[in-house]
Amino acid sequence: MDYVSALVPPTVMAIAFTFLIRTLIRSQGGVNKAKEDAVVDAALSGAQPPAQRSGGTAKRA
């Protein structure tokens, strides 16, 4: 019976991982995709520093 107790935890983890991946794939896209994309775009634009404005010409390295 030791082999049963050795195989149960990996089997349970494999089943749980399968359901996790299935849930992640099914939640992609759908009705709220545009709303989620807008939220991500707003967060990314807020995280980027604004461009520095110089008097005309920019220095190039």
C-alpha atoms as a PDB file:
ATOM      1  CA  MET A   1       0.000   0.000   0.000  1.00  0.00           C
ATOM      2  CA  ASP A   2       3.021   2.279   0.144  1.00  0.00           C
ATOM      3  CA  TYR A   3       2.877   2.730  -3.618  1.00  0.00           C
ATOM      4  CA  VAL A   4      -0.692   4.097  -3.371  1.00  0.00           C
ATOM      5  CA  SER A   5       0.300   6.683  -0.779  1.00  0.00           C
ATOM      6  CA  ALA A   6       3.317   7.588  -2.940  1.00  0.00           C
ATOM      7  CA  LEU A   7       1.211   8.105  -6.073  1.00  0.00           C
ATOM      8  CA  VAL A   8      -1.731  10.028  -4.594  1.00  0.00           C
ATOM      9  CA  PRO A   9      -0.044  13.444  -4.004  1.00  0.00           C
ATOM     10  CA  PRO A  10       1.473  13.733  -7.518  1.00  0.00           C
ATOM     11  CA  THR A  11      -1.815  12.617  -9.062  1.00  0.00           C
ATOM     12  CA  VAL A  12      -3.798  15.187  -7.085  1.00  0.00           C
ATOM     13  CA  MET A  13      -1.310  17.919  -8.013  1.00  0.00           C
ATOM     14  CA  ALA A  14      -1.457  16.961 -11.705  1.00  0.00           C
ATOM     15  CA  ILE A  15      -5.257  17.127 -11.685  1.00  0.00           C
ATOM     16  CA  ALA A  16      -5.228  20.476  -9.870  1.00  0.00           C
ATOM     17  CA  PHE A  17      -2.650  21.863 -12.304  1.00  0.00           C
ATOM     18  CA  THR A  18      -4.757  20.701 -15.252  1.00  0.00           C
ATOM     19  CA  PHE A  19      -7.816  22.499 -13.892  1.00  0.00           C
ATOM     20  CA  LEU A  20      -5.743  25.626 -13.206  1.00  0.00           C
ATOM     21  CA  ILE A  21      -4.442  25.753 -16.769  1.00  0.00           C
ATOM     22  CA  ARG A  22      -7.936  25.072 -18.114  1.00  0.00           C
ATOM     23  CA  THR A  23      -9.328  27.962 -16.047  1.00  0.00           C
ATOM     24  CA  LEU A  24      -6.583  30.322 -17.221  1.00  0.00           C
ATOM     25  CA  ILE A  25      -7.175  29.463 -20.864  1.00  0.00           C
ATOM     26  CA  ARG A  26     -10.950  29.776 -20.613  1.00  0.00           C
ATOM     27  CA  SER A  27     -10.731  33.172 -18.896  1.00  0.00           C
ATOM     28  CA  GLN A  28      -8.716  34.696 -21.761  1.00  0.00           C
ATOM     29  CA  GLY A  29     -10.663  36.893 -24.141  1.00  0.00           C
ATOM     30  CA  GLY A  30     -14.410  36.941 -23.997  1.00  0.00           C
ATOM     31  CA  VAL A  31     -16.771  39.776 -23.291  1.00  0.00           C
ATOM     32  CA  ASN A  32     -14.535  41.735 -20.914  1.00  0.00           C
ATOM     33  CA  LYS A  33     -11.361  41.568 -23.029  1.00  0.00           C
ATOM     34  CA  ALA A  34     -11.609  45.186 -24.204  1.00  0.00           C
ATOM     35  CA  LYS A  35     -12.178  46.420 -20.657  1.00  0.00           C
ATOM     36  CA  GLU A  36      -9.229  44.403 -19.333  1.00  0.00           C
ATOM     37  CA  ASP A  37      -6.990  45.653 -22.154  1.00  0.00           C
ATOM     38  CA  ALA A  38      -7.975  49.253 -21.388  1.00  0.00           C
ATOM     39  CA  VAL A  39      -7.084  48.800 -17.718  1.00  0.00           C
ATOM     40  CA  VAL A  40      -3.690  47.324 -18.591  1.00  0.00           C
ATOM     41  CA  ASP A  41      -2.975  50.089 -21.122  1.00  0.00           C
ATOM     42  CA  ALA A  42      -3.870  52.746 -18.542  1.00  0.00           C
ATOM     43  CA  ALA A  43      -1.627  51.113 -15.940  1.00  0.00           C
ATOM     44  CA  LEU A  44       1.278  50.862 -18.377  1.00  0.00           C
ATOM     45  CA  SER A  45       0.940  54.447 -19.542  1.00  0.00           C
ATOM     46  CA  GLY A  46       0.879  55.619 -15.922  1.00  0.00           C
ATOM     47  CA  ALA A  47       4.008  53.604 -15.132  1.00  0.00           C
ATOM     48  CA  GLN A  48       6.071  55.073 -17.970  1.00  0.00           C
ATOM     49  CA  PRO A  49       7.809  58.381 -17.256  1.00  0.00           C
ATOM     50  CA  PRO A  50       6.665  61.286 -19.418  1.00  0.00           C
ATOM     51  CA  ALA A  51       8.959  62.355 -22.233  1.00  0.00           C
ATOM     52  CA  GLN A  52      11.292  65.180 -21.325  1.00  0.00           C
ATOM     53  CA  ARG A  53      10.584  68.327 -23.254  1.00  0.00           C
ATOM     54  CA  SER A  54      13.621  70.289 -24.292  1.00  0.00           C
ATOM     55  CA  GLY A  55      13.847  73.680 -25.960  1.00  0.00           C
ATOM     56  CA  GLY A  56      14.095  72.213 -29.439  1.00  0.00           C
ATOM     57  CA  THR A  57      16.904  69.832 -30.147  1.00  0.00           C
ATOM     58  CA  ALA A  58      17.481  66.712 -28.160  1.00  0.00           C
ATOM     59  CA  LYS A  59      20.930  65.432 -27.226  1.00  0.00           C
ATOM     60  CA  ARG A  60      21.992  62.247 -28.896  1.00  0.00           C
ATOM     61  CA  ALA A  61      24.648  59.999 -27.492  1.00  0.00           C
END
